[in-house]
């Protein structure tokens, strides 16, 4: 259906791909993975509209291939006066109206042959998406996603997570040959993440899905495309098998690469001695030997093992404060309520201490973001923040905190930095290279924007952080770096999160929103609730151990401790078998 051949593409200040190739065929559910900012979304844009881009190589798409697309940032039209059922049925209704209109025309037309052709095309299109049984098909999809309760709601009433799932269902209902989805899991609560998994696994047809979500990766895909350092490799099989194979390959390649480096360094030392000797003595034999050694060194460097997937791109995320305070009540919420047309939170009460790390959890649409924003604005009489507390905020809507028309440099100069060099040194700690300084923020990936928000928050030196979905759009290693930063932070953190591992690895307790109010829950009860309602206990615990082992292997490779990496790999293999 789709074939990419030797594709190369560059921005003015950044090379993205170098002769990458892959194919997508019938019934493949393909996960598209790679570090944040590596060019995954851009590649999808090129596939969707190749005429807009100047690239080398070819893209072959079957002319009969119909592509459905779910955006990374779907726009919810709050003014749309239509129910979810009507919204999902728009294509069916449009085709039915078109058929009715053609039939009306045929009653008075003198030449009905062209109309008969249009009539048949409309019938074929309707048949391709399920025919007259569209309402039953919609109901089945909604039931599969546990969203049947939304059917008669107005689209404008949906939360961001609910709307994203409705977008997935709508694209599936339109019967495309290929569905492309860009991070469809972002902002989904635990229940809706399971719904997305069910929808993906029930779909009969090709899929290409960008995701960093390990739960989806482990449960939904039979092909992996991995983009890293301008190169791409594809793997037919599960993510678990691919990831383990990749780790083993990394160990082998990096060990060989280290041996090559050692041999090259040894020959460089010999050449230096020979060159010094030839210059001093003028011996012809020494000169000939020198030339021979230089030719040998050229051959060594030419065959040097290339390891584009060995180097791990992991930012060093820091969250710092200059104004840590002794333990006290940093935030007090008394009888807080919120809602517009209807009450979503009522009589909410809780306190956060100056060194507490707390997660707010709850289903999509229960008011978590609204509460966090009200705390940040601090103009509600139900909210009291201690006078020694300075607050910084990370928004899931990145444009609220970052001026996306700014360059990265301009954003930090506006934030109080004095010079180009000061900004360059500071953001280099977050894995931003110098060439990105003059890049517009709007052109960055979702993951890069989140890391930029974190860098800006850290620069503020605030001693209380309000983080709304901080792990969204981040790749696995960036998420781990953020977890480390949160644990080391010497202040209070209140974060909205649907990421199970970030919650259990970082926070002291959770605040659960349920039935329009909030109750405090310790970590033991939180885990018990998750195991009972959403995810298998054994899977979650084994996956945590797997991630820990993978990180230890990565650190061992970085330290060229190959024996330890091999031992850890054997431990990881035994763990995978237990799945």
Protein backbone atom coordinates (compact mmCIF):
# COMPACT_ATOMS: atom_id res chain seq x y z
CA UNK A 1 0.00 0.00 0.00
CA UNK A 2 2.77 2.47 0.95
CA UNK A 3 6.46 2.33 0.09
CA UNK A 4 9.11 4.89 1.11
CA UNK A 5 12.36 4.69 -0.87
CA UNK A 6 15.63 6.42 0.14
CA UNK A 7 13.87 9.46 1.58
CA UNK A 8 16.04 12.38 2.73
CA UNK A 9 14.73 15.64 4.13
CA UNK A 10 16.18 18.63 5.98
CA UNK A 11 15.04 21.83 7.64
CA UNK A 12 17.24 24.88 7.01
CA UNK A 13 19.12 24.25 10.27
CA UNK A 14 18.54 20.55 10.90
CA UNK A 15 18.86 17.30 8.92
CA UNK A 16 15.99 14.91 9.68
CA UNK A 17 16.35 11.82 7.44
CA UNK A 18 19.13 10.26 5.43
CA UNK A 19 18.02 7.71 2.80
CA UNK A 20 15.35 6.05 4.94
CA UNK A 21 13.09 3.34 3.49
CA UNK A 22 10.15 1.28 4.75
CA UNK A 23 6.91 -0.32 3.60
CA UNK A 24 3.42 -0.66 5.04
CA UNK A 25 1.21 -3.54 3.96
CA UNK A 26 -2.33 -4.79 4.55
CA UNK A 27 -3.33 -5.48 8.17
CA UNK A 28 -0.06 -4.25 9.67
CA UNK A 29 -0.47 -2.30 12.90
CA UNK A 30 2.78 -0.35 12.97
CA UNK A 31 4.18 1.65 15.89
CA UNK A 32 6.38 4.58 14.84
CA UNK A 33 8.87 5.30 17.64
CA UNK A 34 11.90 7.49 18.30
CA UNK A 35 13.15 10.30 20.53
CA UNK A 36 11.22 13.55 20.93
CA UNK A 37 11.98 16.02 18.12
CA UNK A 38 13.52 13.40 15.81
CA UNK A 39 11.05 14.10 12.96
CA UNK A 40 8.26 11.52 13.33
CA UNK A 41 5.36 13.98 12.92
CA UNK A 42 7.12 15.66 9.98
CA UNK A 43 7.44 12.31 8.21
CA UNK A 44 3.71 11.74 8.65
CA UNK A 45 3.04 15.23 7.25
CA UNK A 46 5.15 14.33 4.19
CA UNK A 47 3.19 11.08 3.68
CA UNK A 48 -0.14 12.93 4.04
CA UNK A 49 0.79 15.73 1.61
CA UNK A 50 4.02 15.00 -0.31
CA UNK A 51 3.41 17.86 -2.76
CA UNK A 52 4.07 20.42 0.01
CA UNK A 53 7.62 19.20 0.67
CA UNK A 54 10.91 19.21 -1.22
CA UNK A 55 12.57 15.88 -0.45
CA UNK A 56 14.91 13.39 -2.08
CA UNK A 57 13.68 9.85 -2.70
CA UNK A 58 10.23 8.54 -3.56
CA UNK A 59 6.92 7.90 -1.83
CA UNK A 60 4.70 5.30 -3.49
CA UNK A 61 1.08 5.19 -2.31
CA UNK A 62 -1.53 2.94 -3.90
CA UNK A 63 -3.91 5.33 -5.74
CA UNK A 64 -6.87 3.53 -4.16
CA UNK A 65 -5.49 3.92 -0.63
CA UNK A 66 -7.79 6.08 1.52
CA UNK A 67 -6.00 7.56 4.54
CA UNK A 68 -7.62 8.56 7.84
CA UNK A 69 -5.75 10.86 10.21
CA UNK A 70 -5.97 11.64 13.94
CA UNK A 71 -3.92 14.71 14.85
CA UNK A 72 -1.59 15.09 17.82
CA UNK A 73 -3.63 18.18 18.76
CA UNK A 74 -7.26 17.70 17.61
CA UNK A 75 -9.25 20.92 17.77
CA UNK A 76 -12.50 20.69 19.74
CA UNK A 77 -15.04 23.15 18.35
CA UNK A 78 -16.85 24.34 21.48
CA UNK A 79 -19.51 26.02 19.31
CA UNK A 80 -20.40 22.87 17.37
CA UNK A 81 -24.12 22.29 17.88
CA UNK A 82 -24.28 18.58 17.18
CA UNK A 83 -24.50 15.43 19.27
CA UNK A 84 -21.74 12.84 19.37
CA UNK A 85 -23.97 10.43 17.42
CA UNK A 86 -24.58 13.03 14.69
CA UNK A 87 -20.91 13.98 14.61
CA UNK A 88 -19.81 10.36 14.18
CA UNK A 89 -22.47 9.81 11.52
CA UNK A 90 -21.63 12.88 9.40
CA UNK A 91 -20.17 10.86 6.51
CA UNK A 92 -23.11 8.41 6.53
CA UNK A 93 -25.65 11.25 6.61
CA UNK A 94 -23.82 13.15 3.86
CA UNK A 95 -23.87 10.12 1.54
CA UNK A 96 -27.53 9.37 2.30
CA UNK A 97 -28.46 12.97 1.50
CA UNK A 98 -26.39 12.81 -1.70
CA UNK A 99 -28.20 9.62 -2.80
CA UNK A 100 -31.59 11.17 -2.04
CA UNK A 101 -30.65 14.29 -4.02
CA UNK A 102 -29.52 12.21 -7.05
CA UNK A 103 -32.79 10.26 -6.95
CA UNK A 104 -34.74 13.53 -6.98
CA UNK A 105 -32.74 14.78 -9.98
CA UNK A 106 -33.34 11.53 -11.88
CA UNK A 107 -37.11 12.01 -11.67
CA UNK A 108 -36.96 15.03 -14.01
CA UNK A 109 -33.67 14.53 -15.92
CA UNK A 110 -33.76 13.85 -19.67
CA UNK A 111 -30.38 12.06 -19.58
CA UNK A 112 -30.02 9.93 -16.48
CA UNK A 113 -26.81 8.05 -17.46
CA UNK A 114 -24.43 10.51 -15.72
CA UNK A 115 -26.73 10.53 -12.69
CA UNK A 116 -26.78 6.73 -12.60
CA UNK A 117 -22.97 6.76 -12.53
CA UNK A 118 -22.95 9.26 -9.61
CA UNK A 119 -25.67 7.22 -7.89
CA UNK A 120 -23.57 4.04 -8.10
CA UNK A 121 -20.44 5.83 -6.82
CA UNK A 122 -22.38 7.15 -3.81
CA UNK A 123 -23.86 3.69 -3.14
CA UNK A 124 -20.38 2.12 -3.29
CA UNK A 125 -19.02 4.75 -0.89
CA UNK A 126 -21.91 4.15 1.51
CA UNK A 127 -21.43 0.39 1.29
CA UNK A 128 -17.68 0.80 2.06
CA UNK A 129 -18.51 2.34 5.44
CA UNK A 130 -21.28 -0.05 6.45
CA UNK A 131 -24.35 0.86 4.42
CA UNK A 132 -27.62 1.75 6.08
CA UNK A 133 -26.61 0.07 9.34
CA UNK A 134 -24.47 3.03 10.39
CA UNK A 135 -26.17 3.69 13.73
CA UNK A 136 -25.64 0.09 14.83
CA UNK A 137 -21.97 0.28 13.76
CA UNK A 138 -21.48 3.51 15.73
CA UNK A 139 -23.07 1.95 18.80
CA UNK A 140 -20.71 -1.04 18.58
CA UNK A 141 -17.66 1.23 18.45
CA UNK A 142 -18.88 3.36 21.34
CA UNK A 143 -19.58 0.24 23.42
CA UNK A 144 -16.13 -1.15 22.62
CA UNK A 145 -14.59 2.08 23.93
CA UNK A 146 -16.97 2.24 26.94
CA UNK A 147 -18.22 5.59 25.62
CA UNK A 148 -21.86 4.78 24.86
CA UNK A 149 -22.88 7.25 27.60
CA UNK A 150 -21.56 10.08 25.37
CA UNK A 151 -23.84 9.31 22.42
CA UNK A 152 -26.45 12.00 23.09
CA UNK A 153 -24.10 14.61 24.55
CA UNK A 154 -23.16 17.68 22.53
CA UNK A 155 -19.66 17.51 21.05
CA UNK A 156 -18.93 20.86 22.74
CA UNK A 157 -19.40 19.19 26.16
CA UNK A 158 -16.60 16.64 25.69
CA UNK A 159 -13.28 16.77 27.52
CA UNK A 160 -10.06 16.76 25.49
CA UNK A 161 -9.46 13.06 26.18
CA UNK A 162 -13.03 12.08 25.27
CA UNK A 163 -12.86 14.09 22.05
CA UNK A 164 -9.61 12.40 21.06
CA UNK A 165 -11.21 8.96 21.36
CA UNK A 166 -14.25 10.17 19.40
CA UNK A 167 -11.83 11.33 16.67
CA UNK A 168 -10.29 7.84 16.56
CA UNK A 169 -13.74 6.24 16.28
CA UNK A 170 -14.81 8.69 13.56
CA UNK A 171 -11.76 7.92 11.40
CA UNK A 172 -12.32 4.18 11.82
CA UNK A 173 -16.00 4.51 10.85
CA UNK A 174 -15.04 6.24 7.60
CA UNK A 175 -13.43 2.99 6.46
CA UNK A 176 -9.91 4.07 5.41
CA UNK A 177 -7.31 1.61 4.16
CA UNK A 178 -4.75 3.24 6.43
CA UNK A 179 -5.25 5.13 9.69
CA UNK A 180 -2.40 7.40 10.80
CA UNK A 181 -2.48 8.57 14.42
CA UNK A 182 -0.06 11.00 16.04
CA UNK A 183 0.18 10.32 19.81
CA UNK A 184 -3.50 9.39 20.27
CA UNK A 185 -2.83 8.36 23.89
CA UNK A 186 -1.80 11.82 25.14
CA UNK A 187 -4.06 13.14 27.96
CA UNK A 188 -6.14 9.91 28.13
CA UNK A 189 -7.10 8.68 31.60
CA UNK A 190 -6.51 5.06 32.64
CA UNK A 191 -9.95 3.91 31.46
CA UNK A 192 -9.74 5.68 28.10
CA UNK A 193 -6.24 4.29 27.51
CA UNK A 194 -7.72 0.80 27.74
CA UNK A 195 -10.49 1.91 25.37
CA UNK A 196 -7.90 3.11 22.85
CA UNK A 197 -6.11 -0.23 23.12
CA UNK A 198 -9.40 -2.05 22.36
CA UNK A 199 -10.13 0.19 19.38
CA UNK A 200 -6.66 -0.30 17.88
CA UNK A 201 -6.77 -4.08 18.33
CA UNK A 202 -10.29 -4.37 16.86
CA UNK A 203 -9.44 -2.43 13.70
CA UNK A 204 -9.12 -4.45 10.50
CA UNK A 205 -6.70 -2.54 8.34
CA UNK A 206 -3.34 -0.79 8.27
CA UNK A 207 -2.26 1.54 11.03
CA UNK A 208 0.72 3.82 11.55
CA UNK A 209 0.75 5.18 15.11
CA UNK A 210 3.27 7.52 16.74
CA UNK A 211 3.36 6.74 20.45
CA UNK A 212 5.70 6.69 23.44
CA UNK A 213 3.17 4.81 25.58
CA UNK A 214 4.67 1.52 26.71
CA UNK A 215 1.28 -0.01 27.49
CA UNK A 216 0.07 0.50 23.91
CA UNK A 217 3.44 -0.51 22.47
CA UNK A 218 3.39 -3.78 24.42
CA UNK A 219 -0.21 -4.68 23.54
CA UNK A 220 -1.16 -3.34 20.11
CA UNK A 221 1.44 -3.62 17.34
CA UNK A 222 2.93 -6.25 15.04
CA UNK A 223 5.48 -4.01 13.30
CA UNK A 224 7.91 -1.39 14.63
CA UNK A 225 9.47 1.51 12.73
CA UNK A 226 12.23 3.20 14.74
CA UNK A 227 13.65 6.56 13.65
CA UNK A 228 16.85 7.73 15.35
CA UNK A 229 19.82 9.92 14.35
CA UNK A 230 18.46 10.45 10.80
CA UNK A 231 18.27 6.70 10.14
CA UNK A 232 15.45 4.19 10.31
CA UNK A 233 15.06 0.51 10.96
CA UNK A 234 11.93 -1.61 10.68
CA UNK A 235 11.10 -4.78 12.56
CA UNK A 236 8.28 -7.25 11.90
CA UNK A 237 7.15 -8.35 15.33
CA UNK A 238 6.12 -7.06 18.75
CA UNK A 239 7.65 -4.10 20.57
CA UNK A 240 8.80 -6.34 23.44
CA UNK A 241 10.76 -8.53 21.00
CA UNK A 242 12.10 -5.52 19.12
CA UNK A 243 13.25 -3.69 22.22
CA UNK A 244 15.10 -6.72 23.56
CA UNK A 245 16.69 -7.44 20.18
CA UNK A 246 17.76 -3.80 19.95
CA UNK A 247 19.38 -3.88 23.38
CA UNK A 248 21.31 -7.04 22.52
CA UNK A 249 22.43 -5.49 19.22
CA UNK A 250 23.53 -2.35 21.04
CA UNK A 251 25.73 -4.39 23.37
CA UNK A 252 27.34 -6.30 20.48
CA UNK A 253 27.82 -3.26 18.23
CA UNK A 254 29.13 -0.96 20.92
CA UNK A 255 31.62 -3.58 22.09
CA UNK A 256 32.91 -3.96 18.51
CA UNK A 257 32.88 -0.19 18.06
CA UNK A 258 34.96 0.25 21.22
CA UNK A 259 37.47 -2.30 19.90
CA UNK A 260 37.65 -0.40 16.60
CA UNK A 261 38.21 2.87 18.46
CA UNK A 262 41.02 1.31 20.46
CA UNK A 263 42.69 -0.04 17.30
CA UNK A 264 42.38 3.34 15.56
CA UNK A 265 43.91 5.16 18.54
CA UNK A 266 46.80 2.64 18.63
CA UNK A 267 47.53 3.19 14.92
CA UNK A 268 47.31 6.96 15.32
CA UNK A 269 50.01 6.77 18.01
CA UNK A 270 52.22 4.64 15.72
CA UNK A 271 51.72 7.07 12.82
CA UNK A 272 52.67 10.02 15.03
CA UNK A 273 55.91 8.29 16.08
CA UNK A 274 56.72 7.33 12.46
CA UNK A 275 56.01 10.87 11.23
CA UNK A 276 58.26 12.36 13.92
CA UNK A 277 61.00 9.85 13.02
CA UNK A 278 60.71 10.47 9.27
CA UNK A 279 60.94 14.22 9.78
CA UNK A 280 64.06 13.89 11.96
CA UNK A 281 65.99 11.19 10.04
CA UNK A 282 64.60 11.56 6.50
CA UNK A 283 64.68 7.75 6.15
CA UNK A 284 62.95 6.56 2.97
CA UNK A 285 61.93 3.27 4.58
CA UNK A 286 60.30 5.09 7.50
CA UNK A 287 58.37 7.25 5.01
CA UNK A 288 57.11 4.20 3.09
CA UNK A 289 56.10 2.50 6.35
CA UNK A 290 54.32 5.69 7.41
CA UNK A 291 52.32 5.78 4.16
CA UNK A 292 51.36 2.12 4.62
CA UNK A 293 50.16 2.75 8.15
CA UNK A 294 48.17 5.79 7.03
CA UNK A 295 46.43 3.70 4.32
CA UNK A 296 45.65 1.05 6.94
CA UNK A 297 44.21 3.72 9.26
CA UNK A 298 41.99 5.01 6.43
CA UNK A 299 40.61 1.48 5.91
CA UNK A 300 39.97 1.13 9.66
CA UNK A 301 38.06 4.42 9.80
CA UNK A 302 36.07 3.55 6.67
CA UNK A 303 34.89 0.26 8.16
CA UNK A 304 34.27 1.78 11.61
CA UNK A 305 31.01 0.32 12.89
CA UNK A 306 28.17 2.76 12.57
CA UNK A 307 25.81 2.61 15.55
CA UNK A 308 22.97 5.12 15.04
CA UNK A 309 20.69 3.33 17.51
CA UNK A 310 23.27 2.89 20.28
CA UNK A 311 23.47 6.46 21.54
CA UNK A 312 20.56 7.30 23.82
CA UNK A 313 19.23 10.84 23.63
CA UNK A 314 18.31 11.68 27.22
CA UNK A 315 18.02 15.25 28.46
CA UNK A 316 19.33 16.12 31.90
CA UNK A 317 16.18 17.71 33.33
CA UNK A 318 16.65 19.80 36.48
CA UNK A 319 13.98 21.38 38.67
CA UNK A 320 15.63 23.86 41.00
CA UNK A 321 14.62 26.41 43.62
CA UNK A 322 16.65 29.03 45.44
CA UNK A 323 13.95 29.52 48.04
CA UNK A 324 13.30 26.21 49.78
CA UNK A 325 11.24 26.79 52.93
CA UNK A 326 10.88 24.85 56.15
CA UNK A 327 7.97 22.44 56.29
CA UNK A 328 4.68 24.31 56.44
CA UNK A 329 1.28 24.39 54.73
CA UNK A 330 2.08 25.76 51.26
CA UNK A 331 -1.42 25.50 49.79
CA UNK A 332 -4.83 25.31 51.44
CA UNK A 333 -8.06 24.69 49.49
CA UNK A 334 -11.33 25.20 51.42
CA UNK A 335 -14.83 24.53 50.06
CA UNK A 336 -13.71 24.97 46.46
CA UNK A 337 -16.29 24.52 43.70
CA UNK A 338 -16.11 24.97 39.94
CA UNK A 339 -18.29 24.56 36.88
CA UNK A 340 -19.92 26.49 34.08
CA UNK A 341 -23.22 25.10 32.84
CA UNK A 342 -22.95 22.36 35.45
CA UNK A 343 -20.96 21.80 38.66
CA UNK A 344 -17.91 19.57 38.10
CA UNK A 345 -16.25 20.02 41.52
CA UNK A 346 -18.06 20.84 44.75
CA UNK A 347 -16.92 21.53 48.35
CA UNK A 348 -13.35 20.39 47.72
CA UNK A 349 -10.92 20.57 50.67
CA UNK A 350 -7.24 19.64 50.90
CA UNK A 351 -3.79 20.91 51.99
CA UNK A 352 -0.33 20.57 50.44
CA UNK A 353 2.84 20.93 52.54
CA UNK A 354 5.90 22.77 51.27
CA UNK A 355 7.79 19.53 50.50
CA UNK A 356 4.87 17.31 49.41
CA UNK A 357 4.81 15.72 45.96
CA UNK A 358 1.21 14.98 45.03
CA UNK A 359 -0.67 13.72 41.94
CA UNK A 360 -4.25 14.68 41.11
CA UNK A 361 -5.95 11.81 39.30
CA UNK A 362 -9.41 11.25 37.90
CA UNK A 363 -11.32 10.53 34.71
CA UNK A 364 -11.16 12.88 31.73
CA UNK A 365 -13.49 15.83 32.17
CA UNK A 366 -13.62 15.82 35.99
CA UNK A 367 -12.02 19.26 36.47
CA UNK A 368 -8.34 18.50 37.18
CA UNK A 369 -6.93 21.13 34.81
CA UNK A 370 -9.53 23.71 35.90
CA UNK A 371 -8.47 23.25 39.54
CA UNK A 372 -4.76 23.52 38.71
CA UNK A 373 -5.31 26.73 36.71
CA UNK A 374 -7.36 28.28 39.52
CA UNK A 375 -4.54 27.54 41.98
CA UNK A 376 -2.03 29.15 39.61
CA UNK A 377 -4.18 32.27 39.12
CA UNK A 378 -4.69 32.48 42.91
CA UNK A 379 -7.73 34.76 42.68
CA UNK A 380 -10.30 32.39 44.19
CA UNK A 381 -11.28 32.97 47.83
CA UNK A 382 -11.32 29.19 48.40
CA UNK A 383 -7.59 28.98 47.57
CA UNK A 384 -4.87 30.19 49.95
CA UNK A 385 -1.13 30.07 49.08
CA UNK A 386 1.46 30.82 51.77
CA UNK A 387 3.30 34.15 51.31
CA UNK A 388 6.70 32.39 51.14
CA UNK A 389 5.57 30.22 48.25
CA UNK A 390 6.38 31.13 44.63
CA UNK A 391 4.39 29.14 42.04
CA UNK A 392 5.32 28.05 38.50
CA UNK A 393 2.98 26.31 36.10
CA UNK A 394 3.40 23.81 33.24
CA UNK A 395 0.37 23.66 30.96
CA UNK A 396 -0.82 20.78 28.80
CA UNK A 397 -1.75 23.58 26.37
CA UNK A 398 1.86 24.54 25.71
CA UNK A 399 0.97 27.86 24.05
CA UNK A 400 -0.29 29.16 27.41
CA UNK A 401 3.24 29.21 28.84
CA UNK A 402 5.40 29.49 25.71
CA UNK A 403 5.08 32.26 23.14
CA UNK A 404 5.15 30.01 20.09
CA UNK A 405 5.96 32.90 17.72
CA UNK A 406 9.22 33.44 19.67
CA UNK A 407 12.46 31.70 18.88
CA UNK A 408 13.92 29.61 21.72
CA UNK A 409 16.48 32.37 22.30
CA UNK A 410 13.81 35.10 22.46
CA UNK A 411 11.73 33.06 24.91
CA UNK A 412 14.58 32.87 27.43
CA UNK A 413 15.70 36.46 26.92
CA UNK A 414 12.08 37.44 27.71
CA UNK A 415 12.33 35.23 30.82
CA UNK A 416 15.25 37.27 32.18
CA UNK A 417 18.39 35.77 30.64
CA UNK A 418 20.91 38.44 29.57
CA UNK A 419 22.98 37.05 26.69
CA UNK A 420 23.01 34.53 23.86
CA UNK A 421 25.81 32.58 25.57
CA UNK A 422 23.89 32.41 28.85
CA UNK A 423 20.83 30.94 27.09
CA UNK A 424 22.95 28.51 25.05
CA UNK A 425 24.75 27.15 28.10
CA UNK A 426 21.53 26.84 30.09
CA UNK A 427 19.39 25.00 27.53
CA UNK A 428 22.25 22.71 26.46
CA UNK A 429 21.63 20.95 29.79
CA UNK A 430 18.21 20.00 28.45
CA UNK A 431 19.69 18.49 25.26
CA UNK A 432 18.85 21.51 23.07
CA UNK A 433 21.62 22.02 20.52
CA UNK A 434 22.86 25.47 19.54
CA UNK A 435 21.18 25.42 16.10
CA UNK A 436 17.78 25.25 17.82
CA UNK A 437 18.28 28.61 19.53
CA UNK A 438 17.01 30.55 16.52
CA UNK A 439 14.23 28.09 15.69
CA UNK A 440 10.62 29.17 16.19
CA UNK A 441 8.99 27.39 19.13
CA UNK A 442 5.92 26.62 16.99
CA UNK A 443 8.13 24.37 14.81
CA UNK A 444 9.28 22.20 17.75
CA UNK A 445 7.78 18.81 18.53
CA UNK A 446 5.33 18.37 21.42
CA UNK A 447 8.05 16.66 23.47
CA UNK A 448 10.57 19.45 22.82
CA UNK A 449 7.99 22.07 23.87
CA UNK A 450 7.34 20.23 27.13
CA UNK A 451 11.07 20.03 27.90
CA UNK A 452 11.34 23.74 27.05
CA UNK A 453 8.51 24.45 29.53
CA UNK A 454 10.39 22.44 32.17
CA UNK A 455 13.59 24.42 31.47
CA UNK A 456 11.66 27.70 31.79
CA UNK A 457 10.01 26.58 35.04
CA UNK A 458 13.35 25.56 36.52
CA UNK A 459 14.85 28.94 35.59
CA UNK A 460 12.09 30.65 37.60
CA UNK A 461 13.44 28.99 40.82
CA UNK A 462 9.86 28.65 42.11
CA UNK A 463 9.35 26.51 45.22
CA UNK A 464 5.97 25.10 44.23
CA UNK A 465 5.34 23.56 40.81
CA UNK A 466 1.93 22.93 39.25
CA UNK A 467 2.45 20.41 36.44
CA UNK A 468 -0.42 19.53 34.08
CA UNK A 469 0.42 16.25 32.31
CA UNK A 470 4.20 16.86 32.38
CA UNK A 471 5.07 13.50 30.74
CA UNK A 472 2.83 14.07 27.71
CA UNK A 473 4.70 13.85 24.38
CA UNK A 474 7.92 12.77 26.13
CA UNK A 475 9.80 9.65 25.01
CA UNK A 476 10.61 6.95 27.58
CA UNK A 477 14.08 8.21 28.49
CA UNK A 478 12.89 11.81 28.84
CA UNK A 479 10.10 10.58 31.14
CA UNK A 480 12.67 8.81 33.29
CA UNK A 481 14.81 11.96 33.39
CA UNK A 482 11.77 13.95 34.54
CA UNK A 483 10.99 11.39 37.26
CA UNK A 484 14.53 11.79 38.58
CA UNK A 485 14.19 15.58 38.54
CA UNK A 486 10.87 15.47 40.42
CA UNK A 487 12.32 13.20 43.11
CA UNK A 488 15.30 15.54 43.59
CA UNK A 489 13.26 18.76 43.61
CA UNK A 490 13.40 20.55 46.96
CA UNK A 491 9.91 22.02 47.00
CA UNK A 492 6.20 21.18 46.60
CA UNK A 493 4.78 19.60 43.45
CA UNK A 494 1.12 19.19 42.54
CA UNK A 495 0.73 17.45 39.20
CA UNK A 496 -2.11 16.16 37.07
CA UNK A 497 -1.05 12.85 35.57
CA UNK A 498 -2.40 9.71 33.93
CA UNK A 499 1.05 8.12 33.79
CA UNK A 500 1.04 5.22 36.24
CA UNK A 501 4.82 4.93 36.52
CA UNK A 502 5.44 8.64 37.04
CA UNK A 503 2.87 8.56 39.85
CA UNK A 504 4.24 5.54 41.70
CA UNK A 505 7.87 6.61 41.20
CA UNK A 506 7.53 10.26 42.20
CA UNK A 507 4.68 11.17 44.54
CA UNK A 508 3.91 10.78 48.23
CA UNK A 509 0.16 10.34 47.77
CA UNK A 510 -2.65 11.03 45.30
CA UNK A 511 -5.76 13.18 45.34
CA UNK A 512 -8.54 11.26 43.62
CA UNK A 513 -11.38 13.20 41.98
CA UNK A 514 -14.56 11.17 42.19
CA UNK A 515 -18.24 12.14 42.45
CA UNK A 516 -17.39 15.88 42.15
CA UNK A 517 -15.11 15.88 45.17
CA UNK A 518 -11.53 14.98 46.15
CA UNK A 519 -10.25 12.44 48.61
CA UNK A 520 -6.71 11.69 49.69
CA UNK A 521 -5.36 8.22 48.89
CA UNK A 522 -2.06 6.65 49.95
CA UNK A 523 0.08 4.85 47.38
CA UNK A 524 -0.84 1.38 48.57
CA UNK A 525 -4.55 2.07 48.05
CA UNK A 526 -3.84 3.79 44.73
CA UNK A 527 -2.01 0.73 43.38
CA UNK A 528 -4.78 -1.55 44.64
CA UNK A 529 -7.39 0.58 42.81
CA UNK A 530 -5.38 0.54 39.57
CA UNK A 531 -4.93 -3.24 39.72
CA UNK A 532 -8.65 -3.77 40.37
CA UNK A 533 -10.01 -1.34 37.77
CA UNK A 534 -7.56 -0.87 34.92
CA UNK A 535 -4.33 -2.85 34.54
CA UNK A 536 -3.02 -6.28 35.48
CA UNK A 537 -0.81 -6.16 38.57
CA UNK A 538 1.79 -8.63 37.27
CA UNK A 539 2.11 -6.74 33.98
CA UNK A 540 2.64 -3.37 35.68
CA UNK A 541 5.22 -4.69 38.14
CA UNK A 542 7.16 -6.65 35.50
CA UNK A 543 7.14 -3.66 33.15
CA UNK A 544 8.59 -1.46 35.91
CA UNK A 545 11.39 -3.97 36.47
CA UNK A 546 11.98 -4.12 32.69
CA UNK A 547 12.32 -0.34 32.43
CA UNK A 548 14.76 -0.30 35.37
CA UNK A 549 16.90 -3.03 33.76
CA UNK A 550 16.85 -1.28 30.37
CA UNK A 551 18.08 1.92 31.98
CA UNK A 552 20.85 0.04 33.82
CA UNK A 553 21.91 -1.55 30.50
CA UNK A 554 21.96 1.90 28.88
CA UNK A 555 24.15 3.28 31.69
CA UNK A 556 26.49 0.25 31.44
CA UNK A 557 26.88 0.83 27.69
CA UNK A 558 27.56 4.52 28.26
CA UNK A 559 30.33 3.47 30.70
CA UNK A 560 31.55 0.76 28.25
CA UNK A 561 30.98 -1.87 30.96
CA UNK A 562 30.04 -4.62 28.49
CA UNK A 563 30.24 -7.52 30.93
CA UNK A 564 27.68 -5.87 33.21
CA UNK A 565 25.47 -5.03 30.21
CA UNK A 566 25.52 -8.70 29.11
CA UNK A 567 24.65 -9.92 32.61
CA UNK A 568 21.76 -7.45 32.84
CA UNK A 569 20.58 -8.52 29.38
CA UNK A 570 20.33 -12.13 30.55
CA UNK A 571 18.33 -10.94 33.57
CA UNK A 572 16.04 -8.96 31.24
CA UNK A 573 15.51 -11.95 28.95
CA UNK A 574 14.37 -14.08 31.90
CA UNK A 575 11.99 -11.31 32.97
CA UNK A 576 10.48 -11.03 29.47
CA UNK A 577 9.80 -14.77 29.43
CA UNK A 578 7.73 -14.35 32.58
CA UNK A 579 5.33 -12.09 30.63
